Amino acid sequence: MFFIPHAVVVEEGTEDAQSLKAALLTTAAVTYLNPLAWLDTTIFLGSLANTQGDPGRWWYYLGCCCGSLIWFLMLGYGSRLLRPLFARPSAWRVLDGATALLMAYLVFNLLTMNLSTH
């Protein structure tokens, strides 16, 4: 049996609706106070972009920005569309199981990667 600590119950029509200003401030805080986002953006993407050469690094960066924008728009609007599906705990179990399999696959590939420089 899976324990789902991140399950959220949202009741429609509650009187304590958050204001737009509070929602935007919360979003900005979660975005800009997240140290992993800064590390991923500056170190990981920066070093990958630098391997693309002088004109290519800017196209790579633009592609990352566009991909990120598309991803988060799909995540936001898709979550609203998938809300009825994820109201069931079994859907969360399937999602968690698929995430666990993907992570195990990535770990296996990293552990078996040939790191020698010929």
PDB file of N, CA and C in Angstrom:
ATOM      1  N   MET A   1       0.845  -1.179   0.000  1.00  0.00           N
ATOM      2  CA  MET A   1       0.000   0.000   0.000  1.00  0.00           C
ATOM      3  C   MET A   1       0.885   1.235   0.000  1.00  0.00           C
ATOM      4  N   PHE A   2       0.608   2.158  -0.877  1.00  0.00           N
ATOM      5  CA  PHE A   2       1.365   3.390  -0.978  1.00  0.00           C
ATOM      6  C   PHE A   2       0.778   4.445  -0.042  1.00  0.00           C
ATOM      7  N   PHE A   3       1.659   5.210   0.556  1.00  0.00           N
ATOM      8  CA  PHE A   3       1.234   6.346   1.355  1.00  0.00           C
ATOM      9  C   PHE A   3       1.470   7.588   0.511  1.00  0.00           C
ATOM     10  N   ILE A   4       0.459   8.413   0.342  1.00  0.00           N
ATOM     11  CA  ILE A   4       0.568   9.587  -0.513  1.00  0.00           C
ATOM     12  C   ILE A   4       0.541  10.841   0.359  1.00  0.00           C
ATOM     13  N   PRO A   5       1.724  11.333   0.770  1.00  0.00           N
ATOM     14  CA  PRO A   5       1.730  12.513   1.631  1.00  0.00           C
ATOM     15  C   PRO A   5       1.417  13.805   0.894  1.00  0.00           C
ATOM     16  N   HIS A   6       1.501  13.786  -0.436  1.00  0.00           N
ATOM     17  CA  HIS A   6       1.310  15.019  -1.181  1.00  0.00           C
ATOM     18  C   HIS A   6      -0.101  15.155  -1.751  1.00  0.00           C
ATOM     19  N   ALA A   7      -1.016  14.306  -1.307  1.00  0.00           N
ATOM     20  CA  ALA A   7      -2.380  14.406  -1.804  1.00  0.00           C
ATOM     21  C   ALA A   7      -3.020  15.701  -1.310  1.00  0.00           C
ATOM     22  N   VAL A   8      -3.683  16.377  -2.194  1.00  0.00           N
ATOM     23  CA  VAL A   8      -4.325  17.651  -1.869  1.00  0.00           C
ATOM     24  C   VAL A   8      -5.804  17.526  -2.165  1.00  0.00           C
ATOM     25  N   VAL A   9      -6.598  17.966  -1.232  1.00  0.00           N
ATOM     26  CA  VAL A   9      -8.040  17.978  -1.436  1.00  0.00           C
ATOM     27  C   VAL A   9      -8.453  19.422  -1.660  1.00  0.00           C
ATOM     28  N   VAL A  10      -9.066  19.667  -2.787  1.00  0.00           N
ATOM     29  CA  VAL A  10      -9.501  21.018  -3.127  1.00  0.00           C
ATOM     30  C   VAL A  10     -11.020  21.023  -3.158  1.00  0.00           C
ATOM     31  N   GLU A  11     -11.590  21.895  -2.359  1.00  0.00           N
ATOM     32  CA  GLU A  11     -13.037  22.023  -2.328  1.00  0.00           C
ATOM     33  C   GLU A  11     -13.446  23.228  -3.155  1.00  0.00           C
ATOM     34  N   GLU A  12     -14.368  23.007  -4.053  1.00  0.00           N
ATOM     35  CA  GLU A  12     -14.827  24.113  -4.884  1.00  0.00           C
ATOM     36  C   GLU A  12     -15.810  24.977  -4.112  1.00  0.00           C
ATOM     37  N   GLY A  13     -15.780  26.264  -4.419  1.00  0.00           N
ATOM     38  CA  GLY A  13     -16.737  27.177  -3.821  1.00  0.00           C
ATOM     39  C   GLY A  13     -16.415  27.578  -2.397  1.00  0.00           C
ATOM     40  N   THR A  14     -15.171  27.439  -1.978  1.00  0.00           N
ATOM     41  CA  THR A  14     -14.828  27.867  -0.624  1.00  0.00           C
ATOM     42  C   THR A  14     -14.787  29.377  -0.577  1.00  0.00           C
ATOM     43  N   GLU A  15     -15.097  29.920   0.558  1.00  0.00           N
ATOM     44  CA  GLU A  15     -15.150  31.375   0.729  1.00  0.00           C
ATOM     45  C   GLU A  15     -13.769  31.986   0.905  1.00  0.00           C
ATOM     46  N   ASP A  16     -12.750  31.193   1.247  1.00  0.00           N
ATOM     47  CA  ASP A  16     -11.409  31.713   1.528  1.00  0.00           C
ATOM     48  C   ASP A  16     -10.539  31.742   0.276  1.00  0.00           C
ATOM     49  N   ALA A  17     -11.073  32.109  -0.842  1.00  0.00           N
ATOM     50  CA  ALA A  17     -10.301  32.122  -2.077  1.00  0.00           C
ATOM     51  C   ALA A  17      -9.135  33.101  -1.947  1.00  0.00           C
ATOM     52  N   GLN A  18      -7.988  32.686  -2.475  1.00  0.00           N
ATOM     53  CA  GLN A  18      -6.787  33.508  -2.407  1.00  0.00           C
ATOM     54  C   GLN A  18      -6.883  34.630  -3.445  1.00  0.00           C
ATOM     55  N   SER A  19      -6.413  35.795  -3.092  1.00  0.00           N
ATOM     56  CA  SER A  19      -6.448  36.914  -4.031  1.00  0.00           C
ATOM     57  C   SER A  19      -5.402  36.704  -5.122  1.00  0.00           C
ATOM     58  N   LEU A  20      -5.585  37.386  -6.222  1.00  0.00           N
ATOM     59  CA  LEU A  20      -4.634  37.287  -7.325  1.00  0.00           C
ATOM     60  C   LEU A  20      -3.250  37.758  -6.885  1.00  0.00           C
ATOM     61  N   LYS A  21      -3.193  38.837  -6.111  1.00  0.00           N
ATOM     62  CA  LYS A  21      -1.905  39.354  -5.631  1.00  0.00           C
ATOM     63  C   LYS A  21      -1.189  38.320  -4.765  1.00  0.00           C
ATOM     64  N   ALA A  22      -1.921  37.688  -3.849  1.00  0.00           N
ATOM     65  CA  ALA A  22      -1.317  36.671  -2.980  1.00  0.00           C
ATOM     66  C   ALA A  22      -0.844  35.469  -3.794  1.00  0.00           C
ATOM     67  N   ALA A  23      -1.623  35.075  -4.790  1.00  0.00           N
ATOM     68  CA  ALA A  23      -1.230  33.951  -5.640  1.00  0.00           C
ATOM     69  C   ALA A  23       0.034  34.279  -6.430  1.00  0.00           C
ATOM     70  N   LEU A  24       0.113  35.483  -6.983  1.00  0.00           N
ATOM     71  CA  LEU A  24       1.298  35.878  -7.741  1.00  0.00           C
ATOM     72  C   LEU A  24       2.529  36.005  -6.856  1.00  0.00           C
ATOM     73  N   LEU A  25       2.363  36.536  -5.641  1.00  0.00           N
ATOM     74  CA  LEU A  25       3.496  36.626  -4.715  1.00  0.00           C
ATOM     75  C   LEU A  25       3.980  35.247  -4.279  1.00  0.00           C
ATOM     76  N   THR A  26       3.047  34.347  -4.029  1.00  0.00           N
ATOM     77  CA  THR A  26       3.426  32.976  -3.670  1.00  0.00           C
ATOM     78  C   THR A  26       4.167  32.308  -4.816  1.00  0.00           C
ATOM     79  N   THR A  27       3.673  32.475  -6.033  1.00  0.00           N
ATOM     80  CA  THR A  27       4.330  31.898  -7.212  1.00  0.00           C
ATOM     81  C   THR A  27       5.730  32.463  -7.383  1.00  0.00           C
ATOM     82  N   ALA A  28       5.882  33.768  -7.220  1.00  0.00           N
ATOM     83  CA  ALA A  28       7.200  34.389  -7.346  1.00  0.00           C
ATOM     84  C   ALA A  28       8.150  33.878  -6.263  1.00  0.00           C
ATOM     85  N   ALA A  29       7.662  33.727  -5.051  1.00  0.00           N
ATOM     86  CA  ALA A  29       8.512  33.226  -3.968  1.00  0.00           C
ATOM     87  C   ALA A  29       8.951  31.793  -4.233  1.00  0.00           C
ATOM     88  N   VAL A  30       8.029  30.940  -4.643  1.00  0.00           N
ATOM     89  CA  VAL A  30       8.375  29.538  -4.916  1.00  0.00           C
ATOM     90  C   VAL A  30       9.356  29.465  -6.089  1.00  0.00           C
ATOM     91  N   THR A  31       9.193  30.341  -7.064  1.00  0.00           N
ATOM     92  CA  THR A  31      10.069  30.328  -8.234  1.00  0.00           C
ATOM     93  C   THR A  31      11.449  30.871  -7.921  1.00  0.00           C
ATOM     94  N   TYR A  32      11.520  32.071  -7.366  1.00  0.00           N
ATOM     95  CA  TYR A  32      12.799  32.755  -7.246  1.00  0.00           C
ATOM     96  C   TYR A  32      13.551  32.459  -5.956  1.00  0.00           C
ATOM     97  N   LEU A  33      12.928  31.863  -4.980  1.00  0.00           N
ATOM     98  CA  LEU A  33      13.627  31.480  -3.751  1.00  0.00           C
ATOM     99  C   LEU A  33      14.016  30.006  -3.750  1.00  0.00           C
ATOM    100  N   ASN A  34      13.878  29.344  -4.891  1.00  0.00           N
ATOM    101  CA  ASN A  34      14.210  27.929  -5.019  1.00  0.00           C
ATOM    102  C   ASN A  34      15.673  27.790  -5.463  1.00  0.00           C
ATOM    103  N   PRO A  35      16.563  27.350  -4.566  1.00  0.00           N
ATOM    104  CA  PRO A  35      17.978  27.280  -4.944  1.00  0.00           C
ATOM    105  C   PRO A  35      18.257  26.260  -6.048  1.00  0.00           C
ATOM    106  N   LEU A  36      17.483  25.193  -6.128  1.00  0.00           N
ATOM    107  CA  LEU A  36      17.723  24.205  -7.179  1.00  0.00           C
ATOM    108  C   LEU A  36      17.407  24.776  -8.556  1.00  0.00           C
ATOM    109  N   ALA A  37      16.418  25.626  -8.643  1.00  0.00           N
ATOM    110  CA  ALA A  37      16.117  26.253  -9.931  1.00  0.00           C
ATOM    111  C   ALA A  37      17.280  27.130 -10.379  1.00  0.00           C
ATOM    112  N   TRP A  38      17.869  27.860  -9.451  1.00  0.00           N
ATOM    113  CA  TRP A  38      19.011  28.699  -9.803  1.00  0.00           C
ATOM    114  C   TRP A  38      20.211  27.854 -10.216  1.00  0.00           C
ATOM    115  N   LEU A  39      20.476  26.769  -9.489  1.00  0.00           N
ATOM    116  CA  LEU A  39      21.596  25.903  -9.842  1.00  0.00           C
ATOM    117  C   LEU A  39      21.384  25.250 -11.204  1.00  0.00           C
ATOM    118  N   ASP A  40      20.170  24.739 -11.437  1.00  0.00           N
ATOM    119  CA  ASP A  40      19.877  24.116 -12.730  1.00  0.00           C
ATOM    120  C   ASP A  40      20.033  25.116 -13.869  1.00  0.00           C
ATOM    121  N   THR A  41      19.531  26.312 -13.661  1.00  0.00           N
ATOM    122  CA  THR A  41      19.559  27.306 -14.724  1.00  0.00           C
ATOM    123  C   THR A  41      20.967  27.802 -15.008  1.00  0.00           C
ATOM    124  N   THR A  42      21.699  28.160 -13.974  1.00  0.00           N
ATOM    125  CA  THR A  42      23.009  28.768 -14.208  1.00  0.00           C
ATOM    126  C   THR A  42      24.099  27.745 -14.482  1.00  0.00           C
ATOM    127  N   ILE A  43      24.161  26.683 -13.710  1.00  0.00           N
ATOM    128  CA  ILE A  43      25.280  25.748 -13.845  1.00  0.00           C
ATOM    129  C   ILE A  43      24.985  24.672 -14.893  1.00  0.00           C
ATOM    130  N   PHE A  44      23.879  23.971 -14.726  1.00  0.00           N
ATOM    131  CA  PHE A  44      23.598  22.852 -15.626  1.00  0.00           C
ATOM    132  C   PHE A  44      23.318  23.333 -17.053  1.00  0.00           C
ATOM    133  N   LEU A  45      22.337  24.212 -17.219  1.00  0.00           N
ATOM    134  CA  LEU A  45      22.010  24.677 -18.565  1.00  0.00           C
ATOM    135  C   LEU A  45      23.114  25.542 -19.144  1.00  0.00           C
ATOM    136  N   GLY A  46      23.767  26.323 -18.287  1.00  0.00           N
ATOM    137  CA  GLY A  46      24.870  27.153 -18.772  1.00  0.00           C
ATOM    138  C   GLY A  46      26.016  26.328 -19.321  1.00  0.00           C
ATOM    139  N   SER A  47      26.393  25.258 -18.610  1.00  0.00           N
ATOM    140  CA  SER A  47      27.485  24.433 -19.123  1.00  0.00           C
ATOM    141  C   SER A  47      27.081  23.653 -20.359  1.00  0.00           C
ATOM    142  N   LEU A  48      25.827  23.225 -20.443  1.00  0.00           N
ATOM    143  CA  LEU A  48      25.379  22.556 -21.662  1.00  0.00           C
ATOM    144  C   LEU A  48      25.337  23.523 -22.835  1.00  0.00           C
ATOM    145  N   ALA A  49      24.884  24.739 -22.592  1.00  0.00           N
ATOM    146  CA  ALA A  49      24.816  25.732 -23.667  1.00  0.00           C
ATOM    147  C   ALA A  49      26.209  26.083 -24.179  1.00  0.00           C
ATOM    148  N   ASN A  50      27.185  26.141 -23.288  1.00  0.00           N
ATOM    149  CA  ASN A  50      28.539  26.510 -23.697  1.00  0.00           C
ATOM    150  C   ASN A  50      29.193  25.466 -24.591  1.00  0.00           C
ATOM    151  N   THR A  51      28.716  24.245 -24.572  1.00  0.00           N
ATOM    152  CA  THR A  51      29.272  23.214 -25.453  1.00  0.00           C
ATOM    153  C   THR A  51      28.768  23.353 -26.887  1.00  0.00           C
ATOM    154  N   GLN A  52      27.823  24.243 -27.132  1.00  0.00           N
ATOM    155  CA  GLN A  52      27.223  24.393 -28.458  1.00  0.00           C
ATOM    156  C   GLN A  52      27.954  25.380 -29.362  1.00  0.00           C
ATOM    157  N   GLY A  53      28.988  26.001 -28.867  1.00  0.00           N
ATOM    158  CA  GLY A  53      29.714  26.970 -29.687  1.00  0.00           C
ATOM    159  C   GLY A  53      29.119  28.358 -29.549  1.00  0.00           C
ATOM    160  N   ASP A  54      29.778  29.316 -30.243  1.00  0.00           N
ATOM    161  CA  ASP A  54      29.372  30.712 -30.046  1.00  0.00           C
ATOM    162  C   ASP A  54      27.962  31.023 -30.540  1.00  0.00           C
ATOM    163  N   PRO A  55      27.600  30.794 -31.796  1.00  0.00           N
ATOM    164  CA  PRO A  55      26.222  31.163 -32.127  1.00  0.00           C
ATOM    165  C   PRO A  55      25.213  30.148 -31.584  1.00  0.00           C
ATOM    166  N   GLY A  56      25.628  28.903 -31.451  1.00  0.00           N
ATOM    167  CA  GLY A  56      24.714  27.848 -31.025  1.00  0.00           C
ATOM    168  C   GLY A  56      24.263  27.949 -29.581  1.00  0.00           C
ATOM    169  N   ARG A  57      25.081  28.528 -28.716  1.00  0.00           N
ATOM    170  CA  ARG A  57      24.708  28.600 -27.297  1.00  0.00           C
ATOM    171  C   ARG A  57      23.475  29.455 -27.076  1.00  0.00           C
ATOM    172  N   TRP A  58      23.324  30.515 -27.882  1.00  0.00           N
ATOM    173  CA  TRP A  58      22.162  31.383 -27.724  1.00  0.00           C
ATOM    174  C   TRP A  58      20.901  30.708 -28.247  1.00  0.00           C
ATOM    175  N   TRP A  59      21.035  29.939 -29.329  1.00  0.00           N
ATOM    176  CA  TRP A  59      19.881  29.181 -29.832  1.00  0.00           C
ATOM    177  C   TRP A  59      19.493  28.091 -28.842  1.00  0.00           C
ATOM    178  N   TYR A  60      20.501  27.468 -28.229  1.00  0.00           N
ATOM    179  CA  TYR A  60      20.237  26.445 -27.219  1.00  0.00           C
ATOM    180  C   TYR A  60      19.486  27.060 -26.039  1.00  0.00           C
ATOM    181  N   TYR A  61      19.948  28.213 -25.593  1.00  0.00           N
ATOM    182  CA  TYR A  61      19.310  28.898 -24.468  1.00  0.00           C
ATOM    183  C   TYR A  61      17.879  29.294 -24.821  1.00  0.00           C
ATOM    184  N   LEU A  62      17.666  29.817 -26.017  1.00  0.00           N
ATOM    185  CA  LEU A  62      16.323  30.181 -26.462  1.00  0.00           C
ATOM    186  C   LEU A  62      15.415  28.950 -26.509  1.00  0.00           C
ATOM    187  N   GLY A  63      15.958  27.843 -26.990  1.00  0.00           N
ATOM    188  CA  GLY A  63      15.193  26.594 -27.012  1.00  0.00           C
ATOM    189  C   GLY A  63      14.823  26.131 -25.610  1.00  0.00           C
ATOM    190  N   CYS A  64      15.756  26.269 -24.659  1.00  0.00           N
ATOM    191  CA  CYS A  64      15.461  25.911 -23.263  1.00  0.00           C
ATOM    192  C   CYS A  64      14.361  26.798 -22.694  1.00  0.00           C
ATOM    193  N   CYS A  65      14.425  28.091 -22.985  1.00  0.00           N
ATOM    194  CA  CYS A  65      13.393  29.016 -22.490  1.00  0.00           C
ATOM    195  C   CYS A  65      12.033  28.676 -23.089  1.00  0.00           C
ATOM    196  N   CYS A  66      11.983  28.427 -24.389  1.00  0.00           N
ATOM    197  CA  CYS A  66      10.711  28.081 -25.036  1.00  0.00           C
ATOM    198  C   CYS A  66      10.178  26.749 -24.516  1.00  0.00           C
ATOM    199  N   GLY A  67      11.063  25.775 -24.378  1.00  0.00           N
ATOM    200  CA  GLY A  67      10.645  24.477 -23.841  1.00  0.00           C
ATOM    201  C   GLY A  67      10.114  24.594 -22.423  1.00  0.00           C
ATOM    202  N   SER A  68      10.751  25.404 -21.608  1.00  0.00           N
ATOM    203  CA  SER A  68      10.297  25.614 -20.239  1.00  0.00           C
ATOM    204  C   SER A  68       8.944  26.292 -20.204  1.00  0.00           C
ATOM    205  N   LEU A  69       8.763  27.303 -21.030  1.00  0.00           N
ATOM    206  CA  LEU A  69       7.478  27.993 -21.088  1.00  0.00           C
ATOM    207  C   LEU A  69       6.355  27.043 -21.516  1.00  0.00           C
ATOM    208  N   ILE A  70       6.606  26.261 -22.557  1.00  0.00           N
ATOM    209  CA  ILE A  70       5.600  25.294 -23.026  1.00  0.00           C
ATOM    210  C   ILE A  70       5.309  24.269 -21.943  1.00  0.00           C
ATOM    211  N   TRP A  71       6.359  23.753 -21.283  1.00  0.00           N
ATOM    212  CA  TRP A  71       6.179  22.744 -20.239  1.00  0.00           C
ATOM    213  C   TRP A  71       5.301  23.264 -19.103  1.00  0.00           C
ATOM    214  N   PHE A  72       5.604  24.450 -18.603  1.00  0.00           N
ATOM    215  CA  PHE A  72       4.858  24.954 -17.458  1.00  0.00           C
ATOM    216  C   PHE A  72       3.439  25.376 -17.833  1.00  0.00           C
ATOM    217  N   LEU A  73       3.237  25.861 -19.058  1.00  0.00           N
ATOM    218  CA  LEU A  73       1.870  26.133 -19.502  1.00  0.00           C
ATOM    219  C   LEU A  73       1.063  24.839 -19.600  1.00  0.00           C
ATOM    220  N   MET A  74       1.677  23.798 -20.164  1.00  0.00           N
ATOM    221  CA  MET A  74       0.987  22.501 -20.256  1.00  0.00           C
ATOM    222  C   MET A  74       0.720  21.936 -18.870  1.00  0.00           C
ATOM    223  N   LEU A  75       1.670  22.089 -17.970  1.00  0.00           N
ATOM    224  CA  LEU A  75       1.501  21.591 -16.611  1.00  0.00           C
ATOM    225  C   LEU A  75       0.353  22.302 -15.905  1.00  0.00           C
ATOM    226  N   GLY A  76       0.290  23.617 -16.059  1.00  0.00           N
ATOM    227  CA  GLY A  76      -0.774  24.389 -15.414  1.00  0.00           C
ATOM    228  C   GLY A  76      -2.145  24.078 -15.983  1.00  0.00           C
ATOM    229  N   TYR A  77      -2.270  24.148 -17.292  1.00  0.00           N
ATOM    230  CA  TYR A  77      -3.572  23.895 -17.901  1.00  0.00           C
ATOM    231  C   TYR A  77      -3.925  22.413 -17.885  1.00  0.00           C
ATOM    232  N   GLY A  78      -2.921  21.556 -18.034  1.00  0.00           N
ATOM    233  CA  GLY A  78      -3.177  20.117 -17.990  1.00  0.00           C
ATOM    234  C   GLY A  78      -3.621  19.646 -16.621  1.00  0.00           C
ATOM    235  N   SER A  79      -3.095  20.268 -15.571  1.00  0.00           N
ATOM    236  CA  SER A  79      -3.499  19.870 -14.220  1.00  0.00           C
ATOM    237  C   SER A  79      -4.971  20.174 -13.982  1.00  0.00           C
ATOM    238  N   ARG A  80      -5.441  21.248 -14.559  1.00  0.00           N
ATOM    239  CA  ARG A  80      -6.858  21.576 -14.431  1.00  0.00           C
ATOM    240  C   ARG A  80      -7.708  20.546 -15.172  1.00  0.00           C
ATOM    241  N   LEU A  81      -7.242  20.122 -16.343  1.00  0.00           N
ATOM    242  CA  LEU A  81      -7.997  19.140 -17.118  1.00  0.00           C
ATOM    243  C   LEU A  81      -7.949  17.743 -16.499  1.00  0.00           C
ATOM    244  N   LEU A  82      -6.829  17.426 -15.851  1.00  0.00           N
ATOM    245  CA  LEU A  82      -6.662  16.093 -15.267  1.00  0.00           C
ATOM    246  C   LEU A  82      -7.128  16.010 -13.814  1.00  0.00           C
ATOM    247  N   ARG A  83      -7.674  17.078 -13.294  1.00  0.00           N
ATOM    248  CA  ARG A  83      -8.116  17.104 -11.899  1.00  0.00           C
ATOM    249  C   ARG A  83      -9.106  15.985 -11.560  1.00  0.00           C
ATOM    250  N   PRO A  84     -10.097  15.714 -12.405  1.00  0.00           N
ATOM    251  CA  PRO A  84     -11.017  14.612 -12.067  1.00  0.00           C
ATOM    252  C   PRO A  84     -10.313  13.255 -11.996  1.00  0.00           C
ATOM    253  N   LEU A  85      -9.332  13.043 -12.864  1.00  0.00           N
ATOM    254  CA  LEU A  85      -8.602  11.775 -12.855  1.00  0.00           C
ATOM    255  C   LEU A  85      -7.805  11.612 -11.565  1.00  0.00           C
ATOM    256  N   PHE A  86      -7.101  12.676 -11.155  1.00  0.00           N
ATOM    257  CA  PHE A  86      -6.245  12.571  -9.977  1.00  0.00           C
ATOM    258  C   PHE A  86      -6.992  12.792  -8.667  1.00  0.00           C
ATOM    259  N   ALA A  87      -8.300  12.813  -8.722  1.00  0.00           N
ATOM    260  CA  ALA A  87      -9.096  12.816  -7.501  1.00  0.00           C
ATOM    261  C   ALA A  87      -9.120  11.416  -6.885  1.00  0.00           C
ATOM    262  N   ARG A  88      -8.732  10.418  -7.681  1.00  0.00           N
ATOM    263  CA  ARG A  88      -8.708   9.024  -7.199  1.00  0.00           C
ATOM    264  C   ARG A  88      -7.304   8.653  -6.730  1.00  0.00           C
ATOM    265  N   PRO A  89      -7.167   8.042  -5.572  1.00  0.00           N
ATOM    266  CA  PRO A  89      -5.843   7.628  -5.080  1.00  0.00           C
ATOM    267  C   PRO A  89      -5.142   6.636  -6.002  1.00  0.00           C
ATOM    268  N   SER A  90      -5.888   5.825  -6.731  1.00  0.00           N
ATOM    269  CA  SER A  90      -5.252   4.852  -7.626  1.00  0.00           C
ATOM    270  C   SER A  90      -4.488   5.556  -8.751  1.00  0.00           C
ATOM    271  N   ALA A  91      -4.974   6.694  -9.202  1.00  0.00           N
ATOM    272  CA  ALA A  91      -4.259   7.450 -10.240  1.00  0.00           C
ATOM    273  C   ALA A  91      -2.924   7.955  -9.705  1.00  0.00           C
ATOM    274  N   TRP A  92      -2.895   8.381  -8.444  1.00  0.00           N
ATOM    275  CA  TRP A  92      -1.636   8.825  -7.836  1.00  0.00           C
ATOM    276  C   TRP A  92      -0.669   7.664  -7.697  1.00  0.00           C
ATOM    277  N   ARG A  93      -1.184   6.473  -7.387  1.00  0.00           N
ATOM    278  CA  ARG A  93      -0.308   5.295  -7.283  1.00  0.00           C
ATOM    279  C   ARG A  93       0.329   4.981  -8.626  1.00  0.00           C
ATOM    280  N   VAL A  94      -0.454   5.059  -9.695  1.00  0.00           N
ATOM    281  CA  VAL A  94       0.083   4.794 -11.032  1.00  0.00           C
ATOM    282  C   VAL A  94       1.136   5.841 -11.391  1.00  0.00           C
ATOM    283  N   LEU A  95       0.846   7.110 -11.135  1.00  0.00           N
ATOM    284  CA  LEU A  95       1.806   8.178 -11.424  1.00  0.00           C
ATOM    285  C   LEU A  95       3.085   8.001 -10.609  1.00  0.00           C
ATOM    286  N   ASP A  96       2.957   7.700  -9.323  1.00  0.00           N
ATOM    287  CA  ASP A  96       4.137   7.485  -8.477  1.00  0.00           C
ATOM    288  C   ASP A  96       4.940   6.273  -8.935  1.00  0.00           C
ATOM    289  N   GLY A  97       4.248   5.213  -9.324  1.00  0.00           N
ATOM    290  CA  GLY A  97       4.937   4.017  -9.819  1.00  0.00           C
ATOM    291  C   GLY A  97       5.688   4.294 -11.118  1.00  0.00           C
ATOM    292  N   ALA A  98       5.053   5.028 -12.028  1.00  0.00           N
ATOM    293  CA  ALA A  98       5.719   5.378 -13.288  1.00  0.00           C
ATOM    294  C   ALA A  98       6.923   6.273 -13.036  1.00  0.00           C
ATOM    295  N   THR A  99       6.807   7.214 -12.098  1.00  0.00           N
ATOM    296  CA  THR A  99       7.931   8.074 -11.746  1.00  0.00           C
ATOM    297  C   THR A  99       9.070   7.255 -11.150  1.00  0.00           C
ATOM    298  N   ALA A 100       8.742   6.299 -10.288  1.00  0.00           N
ATOM    299  CA  ALA A 100       9.766   5.441  -9.686  1.00  0.00           C
ATOM    300  C   ALA A 100      10.487   4.611 -10.751  1.00  0.00           C
ATOM    301  N   LEU A 101       9.742   4.082 -11.716  1.00  0.00           N
ATOM    302  CA  LEU A 101      10.373   3.308 -12.794  1.00  0.00           C
ATOM    303  C   LEU A 101      11.280   4.182 -13.652  1.00  0.00           C
ATOM    304  N   LEU A 102      10.839   5.389 -13.962  1.00  0.00           N
ATOM    305  CA  LEU A 102      11.664   6.301 -14.739  1.00  0.00           C
ATOM    306  C   LEU A 102      12.941   6.660 -13.988  1.00  0.00           C
ATOM    307  N   MET A 103      12.829   6.943 -12.697  1.00  0.00           N
ATOM    308  CA  MET A 103      14.009   7.278 -11.907  1.00  0.00           C
ATOM    309  C   MET A 103      14.978   6.096 -11.821  1.00  0.00           C
ATOM    310  N   ALA A 104      14.450   4.887 -11.641  1.00  0.00           N
ATOM    311  CA  ALA A 104      15.302   3.702 -11.599  1.00  0.00           C
ATOM    312  C   ALA A 104      16.020   3.506 -12.935  1.00  0.00           C
ATOM    313  N   TYR A 105      15.312   3.730 -14.033  1.00  0.00           N
ATOM    314  CA  TYR A 105      15.913   3.625 -15.362  1.00  0.00           C
ATOM    315  C   TYR A 105      17.046   4.645 -15.528  1.00  0.00           C
ATOM    316  N   LEU A 106      16.812   5.882 -15.106  1.00  0.00           N
ATOM    317  CA  LEU A 106      17.847   6.912 -15.213  1.00  0.00           C
ATOM    318  C   LEU A 106      19.065   6.587 -14.348  1.00  0.00           C
ATOM    319  N   VAL A 107      18.820   6.097 -13.142  1.00  0.00           N
ATOM    320  CA  VAL A 107      19.938   5.715 -12.264  1.00  0.00           C
ATOM    321  C   VAL A 107      20.731   4.582 -12.882  1.00  0.00           C
ATOM    322  N   PHE A 108      20.051   3.584 -13.428  1.00  0.00           N
ATOM    323  CA  PHE A 108      20.740   2.465 -14.075  1.00  0.00           C
ATOM    324  C   PHE A 108      21.601   2.966 -15.227  1.00  0.00           C
ATOM    325  N   ASN A 109      21.056   3.849 -16.052  1.00  0.00           N
ATOM    326  CA  ASN A 109      21.830   4.382 -17.175  1.00  0.00           C
ATOM    327  C   ASN A 109      23.031   5.192 -16.707  1.00  0.00           C
ATOM    328  N   LEU A 110      22.872   5.962 -15.645  1.00  0.00           N
ATOM    329  CA  LEU A 110      24.004   6.733 -15.129  1.00  0.00           C
ATOM    330  C   LEU A 110      25.082   5.827 -14.545  1.00  0.00           C
ATOM    331  N   LEU A 111      24.660   4.770 -13.861  1.00  0.00           N
ATOM    332  CA  LEU A 111      25.632   3.859 -13.261  1.00  0.00           C
ATOM    333  C   LEU A 111      26.377   3.022 -14.298  1.00  0.00           C
ATOM    334  N   THR A 112      25.754   2.747 -15.411  1.00  0.00           N
ATOM    335  CA  THR A 112      26.380   1.917 -16.448  1.00  0.00           C
ATOM    336  C   THR A 112      26.992   2.738 -17.582  1.00  0.00           C
ATOM    337  N   MET A 113      26.990   4.067 -17.440  1.00  0.00           N
ATOM    338  CA  MET A 113      27.527   4.939 -18.479  1.00  0.00           C
ATOM    339  C   MET A 113      29.046   4.816 -18.532  1.00  0.00           C
ATOM    340  N   ASN A 114      29.564   4.775 -19.742  1.00  0.00           N
ATOM    341  CA  ASN A 114      31.013   4.711 -19.936  1.00  0.00           C
ATOM    342  C   ASN A 114      31.587   6.125 -19.829  1.00  0.00           C
ATOM    343  N   LEU A 115      32.351   6.381 -18.795  1.00  0.00           N
ATOM    344  CA  LEU A 115      32.896   7.713 -18.546  1.00  0.00           C
ATOM    345  C   LEU A 115      34.324   7.880 -19.019  1.00  0.00           C
ATOM    346  N   SER A 116      34.871   6.840 -19.651  1.00  0.00           N
ATOM    347  CA  SER A 116      36.265   6.943 -20.104  1.00  0.00           C
ATOM    348  C   SER A 116      36.355   7.891 -21.294  1.00  0.00           C
ATOM    349  N   THR A 117      37.443   8.636 -21.331  1.00  0.00           N
ATOM    350  CA  THR A 117      37.664   9.577 -22.437  1.00  0.00           C
ATOM    351  C   THR A 117      38.738   8.979 -23.334  1.00  0.00           C
ATOM    352  N   HIS A 118      38.331   8.457 -24.446  1.00  0.00           N
ATOM    353  CA  HIS A 118      39.296   7.834 -25.381  1.00  0.00           C
ATOM    354  C   HIS A 118      39.886   8.880 -26.247  1.00  0.00           C
TER     355      HIS A 118
END
